[in-house]
């Protein structure tokens, strides 16, 4: 049996770190430039609703099957071991391709991205406590950056007229945000 080494804060940081990955910065700027901020906001609100429903599903699963595990554990309990195996393989592929995509996003250079992926692998090999501590620090940095960005937009949008349209070209919202 494995010993418990992670606390609630590190587990929450791990979940938030999965949701707020490196792609959120690039995706948000690209979508805002192409489609306008209001449609981006609507998209993120819809995604937040879906995430809330997913969290409720996992809470129900955890209440029914109170053991450590992920989607493969719940699939095994409800659909059998073959479904559990399929879900485990799908999660492995998801994390592999997701990690590769984030590494390329970080660098823009596939060779340097491979070095970043190797560094992350080495960090994981050092142990769960060290990697969870680094993850928590990075999550705090990412969330702090996002909060500063929201505060900056709120500061510049404070002078926007109350009748500003909620849909329209991205250029109108760049003017409001002072971009």
Foldseek 3Di string as FASTA:
>chain_A
DDDDDDDPLLVVLVVLCVVLDPVVVVVVVVCCQFFNDLVVVVVVVVVVVVVVVVVVVVVVLCVVPVDDDDPLVSCCVPPNNVSSVVVVVVVVVVVVVVLQVRLCVVPVDNVSSVVVVVVLVVQVVVDDVRNSVVSSVVSVVSVVVVVVVVVLQCVQLVPPDPPPDSGDHSVVSCVSSVD
